[in-house]
Amino acid sequence: MTDGFSRDPQDEAGFPRGDSPAGDSPVDGPSELNVDKHDESAWREDFSGLLRLGALRGWFEWCGHRIALRTLTTDEELLVAQLTREFDGSIGATKAYATAICGLAVEAVDRRPMPVPLGEDPDMPYKWALERFNYARRWYPPTIDAIFDAYLRLEIRQREVMTALGKSSAQADDASPGLSARSA
């Protein structure tokens, strides 16, 4: 009896072999994060430059798919806290946090933008964020792990750029990516 799926590209355990399209990428994470060149002139503009300061975009290949992502704004990080509130104190808290970060940080997959609700009220960003979080919840854990790893590398790059600009504080230099004591 056939289920419509070829077993050839997989080993006996059902995992992709190296010669299959799904086995081309390493399982432990994206191979290379390509960070777009930041617009330093926009960052240095009087007053409004603060709205762009720290915004970085990048992309990476994961199992044959190109995933574009960006750093989150403070408002979006606060939305992550709202989205994951129901998971606080549970075994799923860390996975919910990573999934929410991924849902909000991913801009496009295979050059197609992430879904955006139609007719969304711009004064209610929580609904937009909830839609993105729910969409990302459909991804399997290895994909969430790969995207989250790439996001953390983008945050590290963000801190390196900020340090090079002379804008970071001594406290931020030794902080690890993700939630810090200052932002928690």
Protein backbone atom coordinates (compact mmCIF):
# COMPACT_ATOMS: atom_id res chain seq x y z
CA MET A 1 0.00 0.00 0.00
CA THR A 2 1.36 3.42 -0.90
CA ASP A 3 0.76 6.61 1.01
CA GLY A 4 1.79 8.85 -1.90
CA PHE A 5 5.18 9.68 -0.40
CA SER A 6 8.44 8.29 -1.66
CA ARG A 7 10.62 6.76 1.03
CA ASP A 8 13.76 6.99 -1.12
CA PRO A 9 15.07 10.36 0.17
CA GLN A 10 14.94 9.14 3.78
CA ASP A 11 16.75 6.60 5.87
CA GLU A 12 14.94 3.85 7.78
CA ALA A 13 14.17 6.22 10.67
CA GLY A 14 12.46 8.66 8.29
CA PHE A 15 15.13 11.37 8.42
CA PRO A 16 16.30 13.05 5.20
CA ARG A 17 19.46 11.64 3.68
CA GLY A 18 22.20 14.01 2.57
CA ASP A 19 21.35 13.53 -1.11
CA SER A 20 17.72 14.65 -0.73
CA PRO A 21 16.65 18.29 -1.05
CA ALA A 22 15.67 18.34 2.63
CA GLY A 23 19.07 16.94 3.62
CA ASP A 24 21.16 19.57 1.88
CA SER A 25 21.27 21.98 4.83
CA PRO A 26 22.80 21.19 8.20
CA VAL A 27 20.30 20.27 10.87
CA ASP A 28 22.06 22.24 13.60
CA GLY A 29 21.18 25.66 12.18
CA PRO A 30 21.52 27.99 9.26
CA SER A 31 24.93 27.95 7.64
CA GLU A 32 25.39 31.68 7.13
CA LEU A 33 23.47 34.79 8.12
CA ASN A 34 23.72 37.46 5.44
CA VAL A 35 23.23 40.88 7.03
CA ASP A 36 22.14 43.75 4.82
CA LYS A 37 24.34 46.83 4.94
CA HIS A 38 22.97 49.27 7.51
CA ASP A 39 22.20 52.84 6.48
CA GLU A 40 24.46 54.75 8.84
CA SER A 41 23.40 58.12 7.40
CA ALA A 42 19.76 57.42 8.35
CA TRP A 43 20.88 56.43 11.85
CA ARG A 44 22.75 59.72 12.29
CA GLU A 45 19.84 62.03 11.34
CA ASP A 46 18.88 64.49 14.06
CA PHE A 47 16.15 63.13 16.32
CA SER A 48 14.44 60.84 13.76
CA GLY A 49 17.63 58.79 13.46
CA LEU A 50 16.78 57.26 16.84
CA LEU A 51 13.76 55.60 15.23
CA ARG A 52 16.06 53.70 12.86
CA LEU A 53 19.05 53.20 15.14
CA GLY A 54 19.68 49.49 15.54
CA ALA A 55 17.39 48.33 12.73
CA LEU A 56 19.13 45.52 10.87
CA ARG A 57 17.87 43.12 8.23
CA GLY A 58 19.34 39.84 7.10
CA TRP A 59 18.55 36.53 5.45
CA PHE A 60 19.70 32.94 5.48
CA GLU A 61 19.03 29.68 3.68
CA TRP A 62 17.31 26.89 5.61
CA CYS A 63 16.59 23.53 3.99
CA GLY A 64 16.29 25.11 0.56
CA HIS A 65 14.23 28.12 1.71
CA ARG A 66 15.39 31.73 1.93
CA ILE A 67 14.21 33.36 5.16
CA ALA A 68 14.46 37.14 5.56
CA LEU A 69 14.28 38.64 9.04
CA ARG A 70 14.90 41.87 10.91
CA THR A 71 15.55 43.08 14.42
CA LEU A 72 12.49 43.91 16.49
CA THR A 73 11.52 47.30 17.84
CA THR A 74 10.95 47.78 21.55
CA ASP A 75 7.19 47.82 20.96
CA GLU A 76 7.41 44.48 19.17
CA GLU A 77 9.48 42.99 22.01
CA LEU A 78 6.75 44.10 24.41
CA LEU A 79 4.16 42.45 22.15
CA VAL A 80 6.17 39.22 22.47
CA ALA A 81 5.69 39.46 26.24
CA GLN A 82 1.92 39.82 25.74
CA LEU A 83 1.76 36.96 23.26
CA THR A 84 3.60 34.55 25.55
CA ARG A 85 1.94 35.52 28.83
CA GLU A 86 -0.29 32.43 28.93
CA PHE A 87 2.82 30.23 28.79
CA ASP A 88 4.66 31.94 31.66
CA GLY A 89 5.84 29.48 34.27
CA SER A 90 5.13 26.47 32.07
CA ILE A 91 7.41 24.06 30.28
CA GLY A 92 6.44 25.75 26.99
CA ALA A 93 7.53 29.27 27.99
CA THR A 94 10.88 29.16 26.21
CA LYS A 95 9.40 27.67 23.03
CA ALA A 96 6.57 30.24 23.07
CA TYR A 97 9.12 33.06 23.43
CA ALA A 98 11.25 31.77 20.54
CA THR A 99 8.17 31.22 18.36
CA ALA A 100 6.85 34.72 19.02
CA ILE A 101 10.24 36.27 18.25
CA CYS A 102 10.40 34.28 15.01
CA GLY A 103 6.85 35.17 14.00
CA LEU A 104 7.48 38.87 14.42
CA ALA A 105 11.06 38.96 13.09
CA VAL A 106 10.53 37.00 9.86
CA GLU A 107 9.67 39.35 7.02
CA ALA A 108 9.54 36.90 4.12
CA VAL A 109 10.01 33.25 3.24
CA ASP A 110 11.21 32.49 -0.29
CA ARG A 111 10.80 36.22 -1.05
CA ARG A 112 7.08 36.06 -0.21
CA PRO A 113 6.04 38.33 2.68
CA MET A 114 4.59 36.88 5.83
CA PRO A 115 0.79 37.00 5.97
CA VAL A 116 -0.80 40.21 7.22
CA PRO A 117 -4.44 40.33 8.30
CA LEU A 118 -6.69 42.28 5.93
CA GLY A 119 -8.41 45.34 7.32
CA GLU A 120 -6.30 45.40 10.46
CA ASP A 121 -6.64 48.46 12.67
CA PRO A 122 -3.19 50.14 12.89
CA ASP A 123 -4.04 51.24 16.44
CA MET A 124 -4.29 47.58 17.51
CA PRO A 125 -0.90 46.03 16.71
CA TYR A 126 -1.52 43.20 19.14
CA LYS A 127 -3.90 41.54 16.66
CA TRP A 128 -1.28 41.75 13.90
CA ALA A 129 1.32 40.25 16.23
CA LEU A 130 -1.09 37.51 17.32
CA GLU A 131 -1.70 36.61 13.67
CA ARG A 132 2.05 36.33 13.02
CA PHE A 133 2.59 34.33 16.24
CA ASN A 134 -0.20 31.91 15.32
CA TYR A 135 1.26 31.52 11.83
CA ALA A 136 4.72 30.73 13.24
CA ARG A 137 3.19 28.20 15.65
CA ARG A 138 2.51 25.99 12.63
CA TRP A 139 6.24 25.64 11.94
CA TYR A 140 8.02 22.61 13.33
CA PRO A 141 10.58 23.01 16.15
CA PRO A 142 13.72 22.62 13.97
CA THR A 143 12.56 25.55 11.82
CA ILE A 144 11.81 27.71 14.88
CA ASP A 145 15.25 26.81 16.28
CA ALA A 146 17.00 27.76 13.02
CA ILE A 147 15.16 31.09 12.74
CA PHE A 148 15.69 31.92 16.42
CA ASP A 149 19.41 31.10 16.08
CA ALA A 150 19.63 33.44 13.09
CA TYR A 151 17.75 36.14 15.00
CA LEU A 152 20.18 35.89 17.93
CA ARG A 153 23.08 36.22 15.50
CA LEU A 154 21.39 39.31 14.01
CA GLU A 155 21.11 40.78 17.53
CA ILE A 156 24.81 40.09 18.12
CA ARG A 157 25.59 41.87 14.85
CA GLN A 158 23.36 44.75 15.96
CA ARG A 159 25.38 45.14 19.16
CA GLU A 160 28.65 45.00 17.23
CA VAL A 161 27.46 47.78 14.92
CA MET A 162 26.25 49.86 17.86
CA THR A 163 29.60 49.42 19.58
CA ALA A 164 31.38 50.48 16.41
CA LEU A 165 29.21 53.60 16.29
CA GLY A 166 30.14 54.35 19.92
CA LYS A 167 26.49 54.26 20.95
CA SER A 168 26.42 51.28 23.29
CA SER A 169 26.73 51.39 27.04
CA ALA A 170 29.21 49.34 29.05
CA GLN A 171 26.26 47.32 30.36
CA ALA A 172 25.21 46.22 26.84
CA ASP A 173 28.68 45.05 25.89
CA ASP A 174 28.60 42.03 28.16
CA ALA A 175 24.88 41.27 27.78
CA SER A 176 23.83 38.17 25.90
CA PRO A 177 21.25 38.34 23.09
CA GLY A 178 17.59 38.09 23.94
CA LEU A 179 16.09 39.37 27.14
CA SER A 180 18.52 41.25 29.31
CA ALA A 181 18.19 42.51 32.87
CA ARG A 182 17.60 46.00 31.51
CA SER A 183 14.77 44.98 29.20
CA ALA A 184 13.14 42.43 31.49
